[in-house]
Amino acid sequence: MRVARMAGCSIGGLALALVGGIARSTDGGTSWHSMRRTSMGFRSLLVDRRDPNRLYAGIEQSGLWTSGNGDTTWVKLSKFPADPVMLVQSADEPSVLYVGTTGEGAWKVALPW
């Protein structure tokens, strides 16, 4: 298993963006279960600290995606650069996401939820 990115959640869940999918742990990393197998290239992953079922993923050459149901379905967020490599949720404003990209700068995004 080769890890691409790791995301944490203050509510007790952890998620890993793996080369070829996503895995999640609910016991602090002692055990992991595969959530999704995919050929999409995960570049970044974030678990929303307000809702552990809300995930954000930067997909190589595909932009920023979100899942509100713990990885069952994904929706592409429009108007984002092709390669988000770092995702950070604001500590002061949890409805704000900072997106770092390869070659297209950093973006401040107000989330709709």
Protein backbone atom coordinates (compact mmCIF):
# COMPACT_ATOMS: atom_id res chain seq x y z
CA MET A 1 0.00 0.00 0.00
CA ARG A 2 1.53 3.31 -1.09
CA VAL A 3 0.14 6.40 0.65
CA ALA A 4 -0.30 9.58 -1.40
CA ARG A 5 -1.78 11.86 1.30
CA MET A 6 -3.19 11.55 4.81
CA ALA A 7 -6.02 13.62 6.25
CA GLY A 8 -7.12 13.86 9.86
CA CYS A 9 -10.37 14.64 11.56
CA SER A 10 -10.74 15.88 15.13
CA ILE A 11 -13.86 13.72 15.61
CA GLY A 12 -11.78 10.54 15.57
CA GLY A 13 -11.71 9.51 11.93
CA LEU A 14 -8.63 9.37 9.74
CA ALA A 15 -8.52 9.01 5.98
CA LEU A 16 -5.71 8.12 3.61
CA ALA A 17 -5.52 9.00 -0.05
CA LEU A 18 -3.81 5.96 -1.49
CA VAL A 19 -2.37 5.45 -4.90
CA GLY A 20 -5.48 3.78 -6.34
CA GLY A 21 -8.08 4.69 -3.71
CA ILE A 22 -9.08 5.90 -0.25
CA ALA A 23 -8.92 4.07 3.08
CA ARG A 24 -10.42 5.12 6.43
CA SER A 25 -9.73 4.33 10.07
CA THR A 26 -12.10 4.96 12.96
CA ASP A 27 -9.75 3.64 15.66
CA GLY A 28 -6.86 6.09 15.41
CA GLY A 29 -5.03 4.18 12.68
CA THR A 30 -4.86 0.72 14.27
CA SER A 31 -6.90 -0.77 11.45
CA TRP A 32 -7.93 0.50 8.00
CA HIS A 33 -10.70 -0.37 5.57
CA SER A 34 -10.77 0.46 1.91
CA MET A 35 -13.48 2.95 1.00
CA ARG A 36 -12.89 3.25 -2.73
CA ARG A 37 -10.65 1.76 -5.38
CA THR A 38 -10.13 4.08 -8.30
CA SER A 39 -7.68 4.97 -11.01
CA MET A 40 -8.06 8.70 -10.21
CA GLY A 41 -4.82 10.27 -8.99
CA PHE A 42 -5.45 11.69 -5.52
CA ARG A 43 -3.16 14.64 -4.85
CA SER A 44 -4.73 15.86 -1.59
CA LEU A 45 -7.45 14.81 0.84
CA LEU A 46 -9.22 16.60 3.68
CA VAL A 47 -11.84 15.44 6.18
CA ASP A 48 -14.13 18.33 7.16
CA ARG A 49 -13.77 18.77 10.92
CA ARG A 50 -17.42 19.83 11.19
CA ASP A 51 -18.68 16.67 9.49
CA PRO A 52 -16.52 13.52 9.22
CA ASN A 53 -18.64 12.31 6.28
CA ARG A 54 -17.67 15.40 4.22
CA LEU A 55 -14.45 14.76 2.27
CA TYR A 56 -12.57 17.01 -0.13
CA ALA A 57 -10.12 15.57 -2.64
CA GLY A 58 -7.74 17.20 -5.08
CA ILE A 59 -7.61 14.93 -8.11
CA GLU A 60 -4.67 15.12 -10.50
CA GLN A 61 -5.71 16.85 -13.75
CA SER A 62 -9.34 16.90 -12.60
CA GLY A 63 -9.65 19.60 -9.95
CA LEU A 64 -11.37 19.67 -6.57
CA TRP A 65 -14.06 17.12 -5.64
CA THR A 66 -16.26 16.67 -2.56
CA SER A 67 -18.27 13.86 -1.01
CA GLY A 68 -20.92 14.56 1.61
CA ASN A 69 -21.61 10.93 2.37
CA GLY A 70 -18.24 9.50 3.35
CA ASP A 71 -17.09 8.54 -0.18
CA THR A 72 -20.27 6.97 -1.58
CA THR A 73 -20.69 9.66 -4.25
CA TRP A 74 -18.50 12.55 -5.39
CA VAL A 75 -19.30 15.92 -6.99
CA LYS A 76 -16.76 18.08 -8.80
CA LEU A 77 -16.55 21.64 -7.51
CA SER A 78 -16.35 23.91 -10.54
CA LYS A 79 -13.90 26.73 -11.24
CA PHE A 80 -10.89 25.13 -9.64
CA PRO A 81 -7.44 24.61 -11.08
CA ALA A 82 -6.52 21.23 -12.45
CA ASP A 83 -4.06 20.16 -9.76
CA PRO A 84 -4.94 20.98 -6.11
CA VAL A 85 -2.04 19.59 -4.07
CA MET A 86 -2.85 20.93 -0.61
CA LEU A 87 -6.16 21.47 1.18
CA VAL A 88 -6.45 23.32 4.51
CA GLN A 89 -9.63 24.14 6.40
CA SER A 90 -9.52 27.52 8.14
CA ALA A 91 -9.21 27.28 11.94
CA ASP A 92 -11.13 30.54 12.42
CA GLU A 93 -13.75 30.02 9.72
CA PRO A 94 -14.48 26.30 9.15
CA SER A 95 -16.58 27.18 6.09
CA VAL A 96 -13.40 28.45 4.34
CA LEU A 97 -11.04 26.12 2.51
CA TYR A 98 -7.56 27.08 1.30
CA VAL A 99 -6.44 25.26 -1.84
CA GLY A 100 -2.79 25.16 -2.87
CA THR A 101 -2.08 24.25 -6.48
CA THR A 102 0.81 23.34 -8.73
CA GLY A 103 1.63 26.44 -10.75
CA GLU A 104 -1.69 28.28 -10.22
CA GLY A 105 -1.18 29.78 -6.77
CA ALA A 106 -3.37 29.46 -3.69
CA TRP A 107 -7.13 29.91 -3.56
CA LYS A 108 -9.44 30.90 -0.70
CA VAL A 109 -12.79 29.17 -1.14
CA ALA A 110 -16.03 29.85 0.75
CA LEU A 111 -17.80 26.50 1.05
CA PRO A 112 -21.54 26.42 0.35
CA TRP A 113 -22.34 24.17 3.35
